[in-house]
């Protein structure tokens, strides 16, 4: 198979990093994981979200765009944990809806995002991990990150709604939706085999691919 660029999308705790790691081993692709630190605005953002949300999201977007471009230049196939699109379509939009980013800043931010993503080559495929809030809560509990244990149920629900809105209207590249409530690719190797097989089928243009 020629070089492929596959990106994994989905809510907090759904298993993006784990699937990225497992697929990279199974398919012999290079994994690329989401960076979790380095934002110089983060401390200010948590101290005053409304004031610093624009600055923080611009930083995240610029870093994600740089990473996306770097992955396009890789000579071999890659699988990415989280997409460039989620920063704008999910997290920045959620800040705007919550009143943590004013309309002027949000419009400027989204205009930049729209212009860049119009000319940025998309991945060959996005794998969207879909899960209900109870599943997300259980997986967050299992992985045991202390800073995640108090994430509000309403927040996870809001993000889920935004993910569904985004994926329903996304058309830049094919999407394979994985029902993560039903498929446990960590505990069941056959589930990972099924997902990997469907990814390969989808990359070969078989539009009828369905996972249930």
Protein backbone atom coordinates (compact mmCIF):
# COMPACT_ATOMS: atom_id res chain seq x y z
CA UNK A 1 0.00 0.00 0.00
CA UNK A 2 1.15 3.53 -0.75
CA UNK A 3 1.83 6.00 2.03
CA UNK A 4 -1.29 6.74 4.12
CA UNK A 5 -2.19 9.43 6.64
CA UNK A 6 -4.94 8.34 9.05
CA UNK A 7 -6.12 10.52 11.96
CA UNK A 8 -8.05 9.35 15.01
CA UNK A 9 -10.78 11.69 16.33
CA UNK A 10 -13.06 11.53 19.36
CA UNK A 11 -13.99 12.82 22.78
CA UNK A 12 -11.86 12.80 25.94
CA UNK A 13 -11.27 9.27 27.20
CA UNK A 14 -12.64 7.48 24.15
CA UNK A 15 -9.33 5.74 23.39
CA UNK A 16 -7.64 7.80 20.66
CA UNK A 17 -4.10 7.38 21.98
CA UNK A 18 -4.57 3.69 22.67
CA UNK A 19 -5.96 3.01 19.20
CA UNK A 20 -3.15 5.06 17.66
CA UNK A 21 -0.57 2.91 19.45
CA UNK A 22 -2.28 -0.41 18.64
CA UNK A 23 -2.80 0.44 14.97
CA UNK A 24 0.79 1.62 14.58
CA UNK A 25 2.01 -1.76 15.80
CA UNK A 26 -0.46 -3.81 13.81
CA UNK A 27 -0.08 -1.94 10.51
CA UNK A 28 3.57 -0.95 10.98
CA UNK A 29 2.72 2.74 10.68
CA UNK A 30 4.43 5.60 12.47
CA UNK A 31 2.37 6.87 15.44
CA UNK A 32 2.06 10.56 16.24
CA UNK A 33 0.62 11.42 19.64
CA UNK A 34 -1.03 14.59 20.84
CA UNK A 35 1.34 16.86 22.76
CA UNK A 36 -0.11 17.52 26.20
CA UNK A 37 2.05 20.43 27.36
CA UNK A 38 4.03 23.41 26.12
CA UNK A 39 1.23 25.96 25.69
CA UNK A 40 2.64 29.18 27.25
CA UNK A 41 -0.90 30.56 27.70
CA UNK A 42 -2.33 27.57 29.55
CA UNK A 43 -1.80 28.81 33.12
CA UNK A 44 -3.24 32.21 32.23
CA UNK A 45 -6.14 30.52 30.45
CA UNK A 46 -7.13 28.51 33.51
CA UNK A 47 -6.85 31.66 35.62
CA UNK A 48 -9.05 33.76 33.31
CA UNK A 49 -10.61 31.74 30.50
CA UNK A 50 -12.50 34.59 28.89
CA UNK A 51 -9.42 36.81 28.61
CA UNK A 52 -6.98 34.16 27.40
CA UNK A 53 -9.12 31.69 25.43
CA UNK A 54 -8.33 33.29 22.06
CA UNK A 55 -4.58 33.32 22.68
CA UNK A 56 -4.57 29.75 23.94
CA UNK A 57 -6.61 28.41 21.03
CA UNK A 58 -4.46 30.24 18.49
CA UNK A 59 -1.41 28.58 19.98
CA UNK A 60 -3.03 25.13 19.88
CA UNK A 61 -4.17 25.67 16.29
CA UNK A 62 -0.76 26.83 15.06
CA UNK A 63 0.96 23.87 16.70
CA UNK A 64 -1.57 21.41 15.32
CA UNK A 65 -1.26 22.87 11.82
CA UNK A 66 2.52 22.54 11.99
CA UNK A 67 2.22 18.92 13.11
CA UNK A 68 -0.28 18.16 10.36
CA UNK A 69 2.06 19.60 7.74
CA UNK A 70 4.99 17.62 9.15
CA UNK A 71 2.99 14.41 8.92
CA UNK A 72 2.20 15.11 5.28
CA UNK A 73 5.96 15.18 4.63
CA UNK A 74 6.67 11.83 6.32
CA UNK A 75 7.87 9.19 3.82
CA UNK A 76 5.92 6.36 5.44
CA UNK A 77 2.35 5.84 6.59
CA UNK A 78 1.33 7.62 9.80
CA UNK A 79 -1.52 7.42 12.28
CA UNK A 80 -2.27 10.55 14.32
CA UNK A 81 -3.85 10.94 17.74
CA UNK A 82 -6.43 13.78 17.32
CA UNK A 83 -6.93 15.91 14.22
CA UNK A 84 -6.25 19.55 13.39
CA UNK A 85 -10.00 20.04 12.90
CA UNK A 86 -11.02 19.24 16.48
CA UNK A 87 -9.32 22.30 17.97
CA UNK A 88 -11.61 24.63 16.03
CA UNK A 89 -14.73 22.56 15.49
CA UNK A 90 -14.99 21.19 19.02
CA UNK A 91 -12.95 23.01 21.66
CA UNK A 92 -12.90 26.59 20.36
CA UNK A 93 -16.57 26.35 19.42
CA UNK A 94 -17.40 25.05 22.88
CA UNK A 95 -15.58 27.99 24.48
CA UNK A 96 -17.56 30.35 22.28
CA UNK A 97 -20.87 28.70 23.14
CA UNK A 98 -20.04 28.89 26.84
CA UNK A 99 -19.28 32.61 26.58
CA UNK A 100 -15.58 32.09 27.26
CA UNK A 101 -14.58 33.55 23.86
CA UNK A 102 -16.31 36.65 22.56
CA UNK A 103 -17.81 36.76 19.08
CA UNK A 104 -15.17 39.03 17.54
CA UNK A 105 -12.31 36.79 18.68
CA UNK A 106 -14.16 33.64 17.67
CA UNK A 107 -14.89 34.95 14.18
CA UNK A 108 -11.26 35.99 13.69
CA UNK A 109 -10.06 32.62 14.94
CA UNK A 110 -12.44 30.69 12.72
CA UNK A 111 -11.60 32.79 9.68
CA UNK A 112 -7.93 31.87 10.09
CA UNK A 113 -8.85 28.21 10.55
CA UNK A 114 -11.11 28.22 7.46
CA UNK A 115 -8.46 29.83 5.24
CA UNK A 116 -5.69 27.46 6.29
CA UNK A 117 -7.71 24.24 6.18
CA UNK A 118 -9.04 25.16 2.74
CA UNK A 119 -5.52 24.79 1.30
CA UNK A 120 -4.15 22.20 3.75
CA UNK A 121 -4.30 18.67 2.31
CA UNK A 122 -6.55 16.54 4.53
CA UNK A 123 -5.71 13.07 5.88
CA UNK A 124 -6.59 10.08 3.72
CA UNK A 125 -9.06 8.98 6.38
CA UNK A 126 -10.46 10.11 9.73
CA UNK A 127 -11.42 7.36 12.18
CA UNK A 128 -14.09 8.77 14.49
CA UNK A 129 -14.47 6.98 17.81
CA UNK A 130 -18.06 7.47 18.96
CA UNK A 131 -19.01 6.71 22.58
CA UNK A 132 -21.72 7.62 25.05
CA UNK A 133 -20.90 9.60 28.18
CA UNK A 134 -21.08 6.55 30.53
CA UNK A 135 -18.46 4.79 28.41
CA UNK A 136 -16.26 7.88 28.42
CA UNK A 137 -16.58 8.17 32.20
CA UNK A 138 -15.63 4.55 32.74
CA UNK A 139 -12.58 4.76 30.49
CA UNK A 140 -11.47 8.01 32.12
CA UNK A 141 -11.78 6.28 35.49
CA UNK A 142 -9.82 3.25 34.28
CA UNK A 143 -6.86 5.22 32.95
CA UNK A 144 -6.60 7.02 36.28
CA UNK A 145 -5.34 10.48 35.36
CA UNK A 146 -6.02 12.51 38.49
CA UNK A 147 -6.69 15.77 36.64
CA UNK A 148 -9.43 14.09 34.58
CA UNK A 149 -11.40 12.45 37.37
CA UNK A 150 -13.57 15.50 38.07
CA UNK A 151 -14.51 16.26 34.47
CA UNK A 152 -18.15 17.32 34.49
CA UNK A 153 -20.71 15.06 32.83
CA UNK A 154 -22.32 18.09 31.19
CA UNK A 155 -18.97 19.05 29.65
CA UNK A 156 -18.52 15.59 28.11
CA UNK A 157 -22.08 15.75 26.81
CA UNK A 158 -21.49 19.17 25.23
CA UNK A 159 -18.36 17.89 23.50
CA UNK A 160 -20.22 14.81 22.26
CA UNK A 161 -22.89 17.04 20.71
CA UNK A 162 -20.24 19.11 18.96
CA UNK A 163 -18.46 16.01 17.69
CA UNK A 164 -21.69 14.72 16.19
CA UNK A 165 -22.42 18.08 14.54
CA UNK A 166 -18.90 18.25 13.14
CA UNK A 167 -18.70 14.72 11.80
CA UNK A 168 -22.17 14.94 10.21
CA UNK A 169 -21.02 17.91 8.10
CA UNK A 170 -17.39 16.97 7.50
CA UNK A 171 -16.55 16.37 3.84
CA UNK A 172 -12.82 17.00 3.37
CA UNK A 173 -11.94 13.31 3.45
CA UNK A 174 -13.63 9.93 4.12
CA UNK A 175 -14.69 9.11 7.69
CA UNK A 176 -14.93 5.71 9.34
CA UNK A 177 -17.10 5.80 12.47
CA UNK A 178 -16.26 3.26 15.17
CA UNK A 179 -18.98 2.41 17.75
CA UNK A 180 -16.63 2.50 20.75
CA UNK A 181 -19.35 1.45 23.20
CA UNK A 182 -19.60 -1.91 21.48
CA UNK A 183 -16.01 -2.48 20.39
CA UNK A 184 -13.28 -2.86 23.02
CA UNK A 185 -10.09 -2.93 20.97
CA UNK A 186 -7.94 -3.14 24.11
CA UNK A 187 -9.49 -6.22 25.72
CA UNK A 188 -10.48 -7.98 22.48
CA UNK A 189 -7.80 -8.43 19.79
CA UNK A 190 -10.48 -9.49 17.31
CA UNK A 191 -12.06 -6.05 17.64
CA UNK A 192 -8.75 -4.44 16.75
CA UNK A 193 -8.45 -6.81 13.77
CA UNK A 194 -11.94 -5.77 12.65
CA UNK A 195 -11.15 -2.05 12.92
CA UNK A 196 -7.81 -2.41 11.12
CA UNK A 197 -9.48 -4.38 8.34
CA UNK A 198 -12.21 -1.79 7.89
CA UNK A 199 -9.62 0.99 7.78
CA UNK A 200 -7.78 -0.76 4.97
CA UNK A 201 -11.06 -1.34 3.12
CA UNK A 202 -12.03 2.30 3.48
CA UNK A 203 -8.61 3.43 2.26
CA UNK A 204 -9.19 1.33 -0.83
CA UNK A 205 -12.37 3.25 -1.53
CA UNK A 206 -14.98 0.77 -0.38
CA UNK A 207 -17.65 3.26 0.65
CA UNK A 208 -20.03 0.60 1.94
CA UNK A 209 -17.85 -0.11 4.97
CA UNK A 210 -20.02 -0.28 8.11
CA UNK A 211 -19.11 -1.19 11.67
CA UNK A 212 -21.83 -2.34 14.04
